[in-house]
Amino acid sequence: MRKYYDFFKLRFATGIQYRMASVTALTTQLIWGLMECLAYKAVAEASGGSMPMDYSSIVQYIWLKEALYVFFNTWSSDNELFSMITSGDIAYELCRPLSIYSMWFSRITGARIAETLLRCVPVLICAFLMPRPYRMTLPASGAAFMFFLAALFLALGITITFCMLVYMLCFFTIAPQGWRMVLTGAVEFLSGNVIPLPFFPKKYLFLVELSPFAYMQNVPFRIYSGDLAGSGIYPYILKQIFWLAALLAAGTALWKCAEKRMVIQGG
């Protein structure tokens, strides 16, 4: 376990160095978040406040989405891992007396947490200082915040295990671009990154909630905003645990299959 922690620590230390890139991204995320708040405010006024989510809950959801963007971003993958798979450099990884799946999982987790820490604190500070209609607020209670944290890290686990599934699938294809475009494009829309899932028509929302995508950012953000509260939280937390275990098992099985059939040419 210590070896995988060292990989996590190494990638965390590497990721925390890119401060200037985070400052640039901060400006983009603040402007985009404010634009979304303004757009939903116009919709709320036009509809007389009749929306699937309360406007104040939408504001919390938007700022959390911007602050924790890197946590749940699936299209920006680790290109070095794809390069290892396609070039044959995976042979060097196989020489290590470690599980490649666990090693890559630790590596990705460290990089995501480091980059998120650089971005989320400035975004949240600015969000709490916004004018009242667009201002982020604290959750309704301490219990809601604890449920938010639990759901947040479960959602991160689901996102990373999904990304690991994409990496493993690339062992069975000539080029990784196809898998990446199709699967990550689906996640962006179906996880609530484009619009919150409560805005989906009910018959389609039912189908989306049968997939793991609905249990990524959708759940923790709605808990924090108060859109999910009380006993309604428990089924979502249980489904998060189920999808985390299912994706972890699927990714591990795919890796074992890929390891058995892998052929590396050259010398």
Protein backbone atom coordinates (compact mmCIF):
# COMPACT_ATOMS: atom_id res chain seq x y z
CA MET A 1 0.00 0.00 0.00
CA ARG A 2 2.92 2.35 0.77
CA LYS A 3 4.19 2.02 -2.82
CA TYR A 4 0.89 3.21 -4.29
CA TYR A 5 0.80 6.08 -1.81
CA ASP A 6 4.25 7.12 -3.06
CA PHE A 7 2.91 7.25 -6.64
CA PHE A 8 -0.01 9.34 -5.41
CA LYS A 9 2.38 11.70 -3.57
CA LEU A 10 4.68 12.04 -6.59
CA ARG A 11 1.85 12.99 -8.96
CA PHE A 12 0.38 15.32 -6.34
CA ALA A 13 3.72 17.12 -5.99
CA THR A 14 4.05 17.39 -9.77
CA GLY A 15 0.51 18.70 -10.25
CA ILE A 16 0.78 21.32 -7.50
CA GLN A 17 3.60 23.08 -9.40
CA TYR A 18 1.42 24.37 -12.26
CA ARG A 19 0.16 27.46 -10.44
CA MET A 20 0.14 29.85 -13.41
CA ALA A 21 -2.06 27.53 -15.47
CA SER A 22 -4.51 27.44 -12.57
CA VAL A 23 -4.62 31.25 -12.38
CA THR A 24 -5.50 31.40 -16.08
CA ALA A 25 -8.20 28.75 -15.66
CA LEU A 26 -9.56 30.63 -12.62
CA THR A 27 -10.54 33.63 -14.75
CA THR A 28 -12.31 31.42 -17.29
CA GLN A 29 -14.24 29.51 -14.64
CA LEU A 30 -15.37 32.63 -12.80
CA ILE A 31 -16.66 34.27 -15.97
CA TRP A 32 -18.36 31.09 -17.15
CA GLY A 33 -19.94 30.48 -13.74
CA LEU A 34 -21.31 34.02 -13.59
CA MET A 35 -22.71 33.68 -17.13
CA GLU A 36 -24.53 30.51 -16.12
CA CYS A 37 -25.96 32.17 -13.00
CA LEU A 38 -27.25 35.05 -15.14
CA ALA A 39 -28.77 32.66 -17.68
CA TYR A 40 -30.62 30.62 -15.04
CA LYS A 41 -31.79 33.82 -13.32
CA ALA A 42 -33.37 34.93 -16.61
CA VAL A 43 -35.06 31.51 -16.95
CA ALA A 44 -36.32 31.70 -13.34
CA GLU A 45 -37.82 35.16 -13.89
CA ALA A 46 -39.40 34.15 -17.20
CA SER A 47 -40.96 31.04 -15.67
CA GLY A 48 -42.12 32.77 -12.51
CA GLY A 49 -39.75 30.65 -10.41
CA SER A 50 -41.30 27.38 -11.61
CA MET A 51 -38.19 25.27 -12.22
CA PRO A 52 -37.10 21.73 -11.28
CA MET A 53 -34.53 23.26 -8.89
CA ASP A 54 -34.76 26.36 -6.72
CA TYR A 55 -32.64 29.22 -8.13
CA SER A 56 -30.46 29.45 -5.00
CA SER A 57 -29.76 25.69 -5.29
CA ILE A 58 -28.76 26.18 -8.93
CA VAL A 59 -26.28 28.91 -7.92
CA GLN A 60 -24.61 26.55 -5.40
CA TYR A 61 -24.53 23.80 -8.02
CA ILE A 62 -22.89 26.07 -10.62
CA TRP A 63 -20.13 27.35 -8.33
CA LEU A 64 -19.33 23.86 -7.08
CA LYS A 65 -19.16 22.65 -10.66
CA GLU A 66 -16.67 25.40 -11.54
CA ALA A 67 -14.59 25.00 -8.37
CA LEU A 68 -14.37 21.20 -8.65
CA TYR A 69 -14.21 21.02 -12.43
CA VAL A 70 -10.96 19.01 -12.48
CA PHE A 71 -12.36 16.42 -10.06
CA PHE A 72 -14.97 15.30 -12.57
CA ASN A 73 -13.38 16.21 -15.89
CA THR A 74 -13.16 13.00 -17.96
CA TRP A 75 -12.12 14.30 -21.38
CA SER A 76 -8.82 15.74 -20.12
CA SER A 77 -7.12 12.39 -19.53
CA ASP A 78 -3.48 11.53 -18.82
CA ASN A 79 -2.06 11.41 -22.36
CA GLU A 80 1.13 9.79 -21.08
CA LEU A 81 -0.83 6.65 -20.19
CA PHE A 82 -2.43 6.50 -23.64
CA SER A 83 1.04 6.94 -25.17
CA MET A 84 2.40 4.06 -23.08
CA ILE A 85 -0.34 1.77 -24.36
CA THR A 86 -0.02 2.67 -28.05
CA SER A 87 3.80 2.95 -28.22
CA GLY A 88 4.65 -0.20 -26.29
CA ASP A 89 6.29 1.67 -23.40
CA ILE A 90 3.87 -0.22 -21.18
CA ALA A 91 6.64 -2.86 -21.15
CA TYR A 92 8.60 -0.70 -18.70
CA GLU A 93 5.57 -0.50 -16.41
CA LEU A 94 5.21 -4.27 -16.50
CA CYS A 95 8.74 -4.60 -15.08
CA ARG A 96 7.60 -3.04 -11.83
CA PRO A 97 6.51 -5.48 -9.10
CA LEU A 98 3.21 -3.63 -8.78
CA SER A 99 -0.36 -3.79 -10.02
CA ILE A 100 -0.56 -1.45 -13.02
CA TYR A 101 -4.24 -0.80 -12.34
CA SER A 102 -3.59 0.29 -8.74
CA MET A 103 -0.49 2.26 -9.73
CA TRP A 104 -2.32 4.22 -12.43
CA PHE A 105 -5.31 4.73 -10.14
CA SER A 106 -3.03 6.29 -7.50
CA ARG A 107 -1.30 8.42 -10.12
CA ILE A 108 -4.55 9.83 -11.53
CA THR A 109 -6.01 10.49 -8.07
CA GLY A 110 -2.93 12.44 -6.97
CA ALA A 111 -2.92 14.59 -10.11
CA ARG A 112 -6.63 15.41 -9.83
CA ILE A 113 -6.52 16.36 -6.18
CA ALA A 114 -3.45 18.57 -6.68
CA GLU A 115 -4.95 20.47 -9.60
CA THR A 116 -8.29 20.81 -7.84
CA LEU A 117 -6.69 22.31 -4.74
CA LEU A 118 -4.98 24.95 -6.88
CA ARG A 119 -8.28 25.96 -8.50
CA CYS A 120 -11.08 25.37 -6.04
CA VAL A 121 -10.03 27.65 -3.17
CA PRO A 122 -9.77 30.87 -5.28
CA VAL A 123 -13.01 30.06 -7.13
CA LEU A 124 -14.89 29.42 -3.87
CA ILE A 125 -13.56 32.60 -2.24
CA CYS A 126 -14.74 34.65 -5.24
CA ALA A 127 -18.09 32.81 -5.27
CA PHE A 128 -18.72 33.66 -1.60
CA LEU A 129 -17.96 37.34 -2.36
CA MET A 130 -20.34 37.64 -5.31
CA PRO A 131 -23.41 39.97 -5.15
CA ARG A 132 -26.33 38.38 -3.29
CA PRO A 133 -28.32 36.79 -6.17
CA TYR A 134 -25.17 35.05 -7.44
CA ARG A 135 -23.46 34.40 -4.11
CA MET A 136 -22.51 30.97 -2.88
CA THR A 137 -23.67 30.11 0.65
CA LEU A 138 -22.90 27.44 3.22
CA PRO A 139 -24.99 24.24 3.28
CA ALA A 140 -28.09 24.12 5.44
CA SER A 141 -26.49 22.06 8.24
CA GLY A 142 -23.33 20.31 9.37
CA ALA A 143 -24.92 16.94 8.57
CA ALA A 144 -25.58 18.06 4.99
CA PHE A 145 -21.93 19.08 4.68
CA MET A 146 -20.74 15.67 5.94
CA PHE A 147 -23.02 13.89 3.46
CA PHE A 148 -21.64 16.21 0.77
CA LEU A 149 -18.05 15.23 1.58
CA ALA A 150 -18.87 11.51 1.59
CA ALA A 151 -20.72 11.78 -1.72
CA LEU A 152 -17.93 13.94 -3.18
CA PHE A 153 -15.21 11.36 -2.64
CA LEU A 154 -17.45 8.50 -3.77
CA ALA A 155 -18.17 10.52 -6.92
CA LEU A 156 -14.43 11.09 -7.43
CA GLY A 157 -13.86 7.34 -7.11
CA ILE A 158 -16.58 6.62 -9.70
CA THR A 159 -15.07 9.19 -12.09
CA ILE A 160 -11.55 7.76 -11.78
CA THR A 161 -12.69 4.13 -12.11
CA PHE A 162 -14.62 5.16 -15.22
CA CYS A 163 -11.48 6.81 -16.65
CA MET A 164 -9.51 3.64 -15.80
CA LEU A 165 -12.10 1.66 -17.76
CA VAL A 166 -11.38 3.88 -20.79
CA TYR A 167 -7.64 3.26 -20.42
CA MET A 168 -8.18 -0.50 -20.18
CA LEU A 169 -10.44 -0.55 -23.26
CA CYS A 170 -7.64 1.06 -25.25
CA PHE A 171 -5.61 -2.14 -24.93
CA PHE A 172 -8.16 -3.72 -27.28
CA THR A 173 -8.11 -1.02 -30.00
CA ILE A 174 -5.57 0.37 -32.45
CA ALA A 175 -6.02 4.00 -31.38
CA PRO A 176 -7.61 5.47 -28.22
CA GLN A 177 -9.35 8.48 -29.80
CA GLY A 178 -12.61 6.68 -30.60
CA TRP A 179 -13.25 5.39 -27.08
CA ARG A 180 -12.29 8.73 -25.57
CA MET A 181 -14.57 10.84 -27.76
CA VAL A 182 -17.65 8.63 -27.39
CA LEU A 183 -17.41 7.78 -23.69
CA THR A 184 -16.19 11.11 -22.33
CA GLY A 185 -18.70 13.00 -24.48
CA ALA A 186 -21.49 10.94 -22.93
CA VAL A 187 -20.22 11.67 -19.42
CA GLU A 188 -20.12 15.44 -19.96
CA PHE A 189 -23.83 15.54 -20.76
CA LEU A 190 -25.24 12.70 -18.67
CA SER A 191 -23.45 13.54 -15.42
CA GLY A 192 -25.02 16.99 -15.12
CA ASN A 193 -22.02 18.99 -16.29
CA VAL A 194 -23.94 20.75 -19.07
CA ILE A 195 -27.26 21.16 -17.25
CA PRO A 196 -28.28 19.78 -13.81
CA LEU A 197 -30.00 16.42 -14.15
CA PRO A 198 -33.31 17.55 -12.56
CA PHE A 199 -33.86 19.60 -15.73
CA PHE A 200 -33.99 16.42 -17.81
CA PRO A 201 -37.48 15.14 -18.82
CA LYS A 202 -38.54 12.54 -16.26
CA LYS A 203 -38.69 9.63 -18.68
CA TYR A 204 -35.10 10.29 -19.79
CA LEU A 205 -33.90 11.04 -16.26
CA PHE A 206 -35.07 7.56 -15.23
CA LEU A 207 -32.77 6.05 -17.89
CA VAL A 208 -29.83 8.29 -16.97
CA GLU A 209 -30.14 7.22 -13.32
CA LEU A 210 -29.61 3.61 -14.41
CA SER A 211 -26.07 4.56 -15.48
CA PRO A 212 -23.03 5.44 -13.33
CA PHE A 213 -22.93 8.95 -14.81
CA ALA A 214 -25.79 10.18 -12.61
CA TYR A 215 -23.74 9.38 -9.50
CA MET A 216 -20.71 11.49 -10.32
CA GLN A 217 -20.94 15.25 -9.69
CA ASN A 218 -24.74 15.26 -9.74
CA VAL A 219 -25.10 13.74 -6.26
CA PRO A 220 -22.65 15.75 -4.09
CA PHE A 221 -23.59 19.06 -5.72
CA ARG A 222 -27.31 18.51 -5.16
CA ILE A 223 -26.69 17.49 -1.54
CA TYR A 224 -24.71 20.67 -0.86
CA SER A 225 -27.30 22.86 -2.58
CA GLY A 226 -30.16 21.30 -0.59
CA ASP A 227 -31.88 19.83 -3.64
CA LEU A 228 -31.26 16.40 -2.10
CA ALA A 229 -31.95 16.30 1.63
CA GLY A 230 -33.01 14.06 4.49
CA SER A 231 -33.74 10.41 3.81
CA GLY A 232 -33.66 11.09 0.06
CA ILE A 233 -29.85 11.14 0.25
CA TYR A 234 -29.42 7.51 1.32
CA PRO A 235 -30.50 5.76 -1.92
CA TYR A 236 -28.08 7.94 -3.91
CA ILE A 237 -25.17 7.20 -1.55
CA LEU A 238 -25.88 3.46 -1.78
CA LYS A 239 -26.00 3.63 -5.58
CA GLN A 240 -22.69 5.49 -5.56
CA ILE A 241 -21.11 2.66 -3.54
CA PHE A 242 -22.58 0.09 -5.94
CA TRP A 243 -21.25 1.85 -9.07
CA LEU A 244 -17.83 2.41 -7.52
CA ALA A 245 -17.53 -1.32 -6.75
CA ALA A 246 -18.93 -2.33 -10.17
CA LEU A 247 -16.59 -0.08 -12.18
CA LEU A 248 -13.61 -1.10 -10.06
CA ALA A 249 -14.38 -4.78 -10.68
CA ALA A 250 -14.92 -4.20 -14.42
CA GLY A 251 -11.66 -2.27 -14.79
CA THR A 252 -9.65 -4.86 -12.88
CA ALA A 253 -11.15 -7.68 -14.97
CA LEU A 254 -10.35 -5.85 -18.21
CA TRP A 255 -6.77 -5.29 -17.11
CA LYS A 256 -6.29 -8.99 -16.31
CA CYS A 257 -7.67 -9.88 -19.72
CA ALA A 258 -5.42 -7.32 -21.46
CA GLU A 259 -2.37 -8.55 -19.54
CA LYS A 260 -2.89 -12.11 -20.78
CA ARG A 261 -3.24 -11.20 -24.46
CA MET A 262 -0.70 -8.36 -24.62
CA VAL A 263 2.03 -8.66 -27.27
CA ILE A 264 4.82 -6.07 -27.40
CA GLN A 265 6.97 -6.06 -30.55
CA GLY A 266 10.43 -4.58 -30.86
CA GLY A 267 13.48 -4.67 -28.70
